Each structure stands twice: as structure tokens, then as C-alpha cells.
Amino acid sequence: MKAISCCGIVCSDCEAFSETCRGCRHEAGAPFWVREIQSDICPLYAACAVEEAREDCGCCRELSCEEYLTLKDPAVSDEEHAKHLKIMVDLPRSS
């Protein structure tokens, strides 16, 4: 079974997915990488799951908000980010 975050990232496809990081939902919005953005919690998880009490971003009428579009892994190119966004937007909407 795939572990999918509220924003649509497939956590179980990440090479860091293991006993160390079980994905956004399991980590209550604080997967390993939030330290890289100098935060305690993913801003998308905070907005979606905490502030709005939604299951995922696909339930939000504001998808794709500015936060959703601009939160980007600095290790990927803009083209790769655009490709990831397409997948991420489609997954929560289809859930």
C-alpha cells in the first residue's frame, strides 16, 4: 500500500521512506526534510491537516494555492517540480 501525504506526494516512493521516516501523515507533518526549510512542520500539512482539518489538499477549493505551488525541493529543477506538481494535484483530487 502506498503512503501518500495530504499534498499528494507519494512518501513510500521516496528513498528516505523507512523506519526513519514513515511519511508525512505518520510523522504528523514533520518528515525529515522540514529541517531543511527551517521549520518544525510542513507548511502544506499545517495549512491542510492542522488549520483546515482536511484529509488532503484535494478537498480544498483553493488547490493549487501559492504555498502549494511554491514549496519545492531545492534539489529538483523547475521542470521536474512542474512534473511533480501535476502528479501531486491529480492524486489528492482522485482520492
Protein backbone atom coordinates (compact mmCIF):
# COMPACT_ATOMS: atom_id res chain seq x y z
CA MET A 1 0.00 0.00 0.00
CA LYS A 2 1.34 3.44 -0.93
CA ALA A 3 1.82 6.11 1.72
CA ILE A 4 0.50 9.36 0.26
CA SER A 5 0.83 12.70 2.02
CA CYS A 6 -2.02 15.19 2.22
CA CYS A 7 -0.44 17.20 -0.63
CA GLY A 8 -0.21 14.19 -2.93
CA ILE A 9 3.46 13.27 -2.63
CA VAL A 10 3.88 9.51 -2.60
CA CYS A 11 6.01 9.19 0.52
CA SER A 12 6.55 5.47 0.05
CA ASP A 13 8.31 6.19 -3.27
CA CYS A 14 10.94 8.32 -1.51
CA GLU A 15 14.32 6.72 -0.94
CA ALA A 16 14.22 8.04 2.65
CA PHE A 17 10.98 6.19 3.40
CA SER A 18 11.88 3.66 6.06
CA GLU A 19 11.79 3.23 9.78
CA THR A 20 13.43 6.68 10.00
CA CYS A 21 10.67 8.47 8.06
CA ARG A 22 7.29 6.84 7.56
CA GLY A 23 5.79 9.74 5.63
CA CYS A 24 4.03 12.98 6.33
CA ARG A 25 0.84 11.60 7.85
CA HIS A 26 2.70 9.17 10.12
CA GLU A 27 5.12 11.91 11.19
CA ALA A 28 2.26 14.40 11.87
CA GLY A 29 3.52 16.75 9.18
CA ALA A 30 7.12 16.67 10.34
CA PRO A 31 9.02 14.40 7.94
CA PHE A 32 12.81 14.52 7.98
CA TRP A 33 13.11 17.25 5.33
CA VAL A 34 11.28 20.04 7.21
CA ARG A 35 14.58 20.86 8.94
CA GLU A 36 15.90 21.82 5.50
CA ILE A 37 13.29 24.56 5.24
CA GLN A 38 13.92 25.71 8.82
CA SER A 39 10.52 24.58 10.05
CA ASP A 40 9.03 22.20 12.58
CA ILE A 41 6.13 21.18 10.34
CA CYS A 42 5.45 21.14 6.61
CA PRO A 43 3.57 24.34 5.72
CA LEU A 44 1.20 22.40 3.47
CA TYR A 45 0.40 19.89 6.21
CA ALA A 46 -0.07 22.74 8.69
CA ALA A 47 -2.49 24.55 6.38
CA CYS A 48 -4.39 21.46 5.24
CA ALA A 49 -4.48 18.98 8.11
CA VAL A 50 -4.00 21.25 11.12
CA GLU A 51 -5.61 24.61 10.30
CA GLU A 52 -8.35 23.38 7.96
CA ALA A 53 -8.76 19.84 9.40
CA ARG A 54 -8.90 18.40 5.88
CA GLU A 55 -7.88 14.89 4.86
CA ASP A 56 -5.89 16.19 1.91
CA CYS A 57 -5.35 19.19 -0.34
CA GLY A 58 -7.79 17.74 -2.89
CA CYS A 59 -10.64 18.72 -0.53
CA CYS A 60 -9.65 22.39 -0.65
CA ARG A 61 -11.33 24.80 -3.03
CA GLU A 62 -8.05 26.79 -3.15
CA LEU A 63 -5.98 23.94 -4.65
CA SER A 64 -3.49 24.94 -6.04
CA CYS A 65 -2.72 27.78 -3.65
CA GLU A 66 0.51 29.78 -3.74
CA GLU A 67 2.02 27.73 -0.90
CA TYR A 68 1.25 24.51 -2.78
CA LEU A 69 2.82 25.78 -5.98
CA THR A 70 5.94 27.32 -4.47
CA LEU A 71 7.02 24.75 -1.85
CA LYS A 72 9.74 23.00 -3.83
CA ASP A 73 12.52 20.55 -3.19
CA PRO A 74 15.64 22.64 -3.83
CA ALA A 75 17.35 19.57 -5.28
CA VAL A 76 14.98 19.37 -8.28
CA SER A 77 14.82 21.52 -11.39
CA ASP A 78 11.86 23.78 -12.16
CA GLU A 79 10.81 21.37 -14.92
CA GLU A 80 10.91 18.41 -12.53
CA HIS A 81 8.96 20.43 -9.95
CA ALA A 82 6.26 21.20 -12.54
CA LYS A 83 6.02 17.48 -13.35
CA HIS A 84 5.73 16.63 -9.64
CA LEU A 85 3.01 19.26 -9.19
CA LYS A 86 0.90 17.66 -11.91
CA ILE A 87 1.10 14.29 -10.14
CA MET A 88 0.54 15.86 -6.72
CA VAL A 89 -2.55 17.78 -7.84
CA ASP A 90 -4.09 14.74 -9.52
CA LEU A 91 -3.58 12.33 -6.58
CA PRO A 92 -5.50 14.20 -3.86
CA ARG A 93 -8.28 15.09 -6.27
CA SER A 94 -8.73 11.44 -7.22
CA SER A 95 -8.80 10.21 -3.59
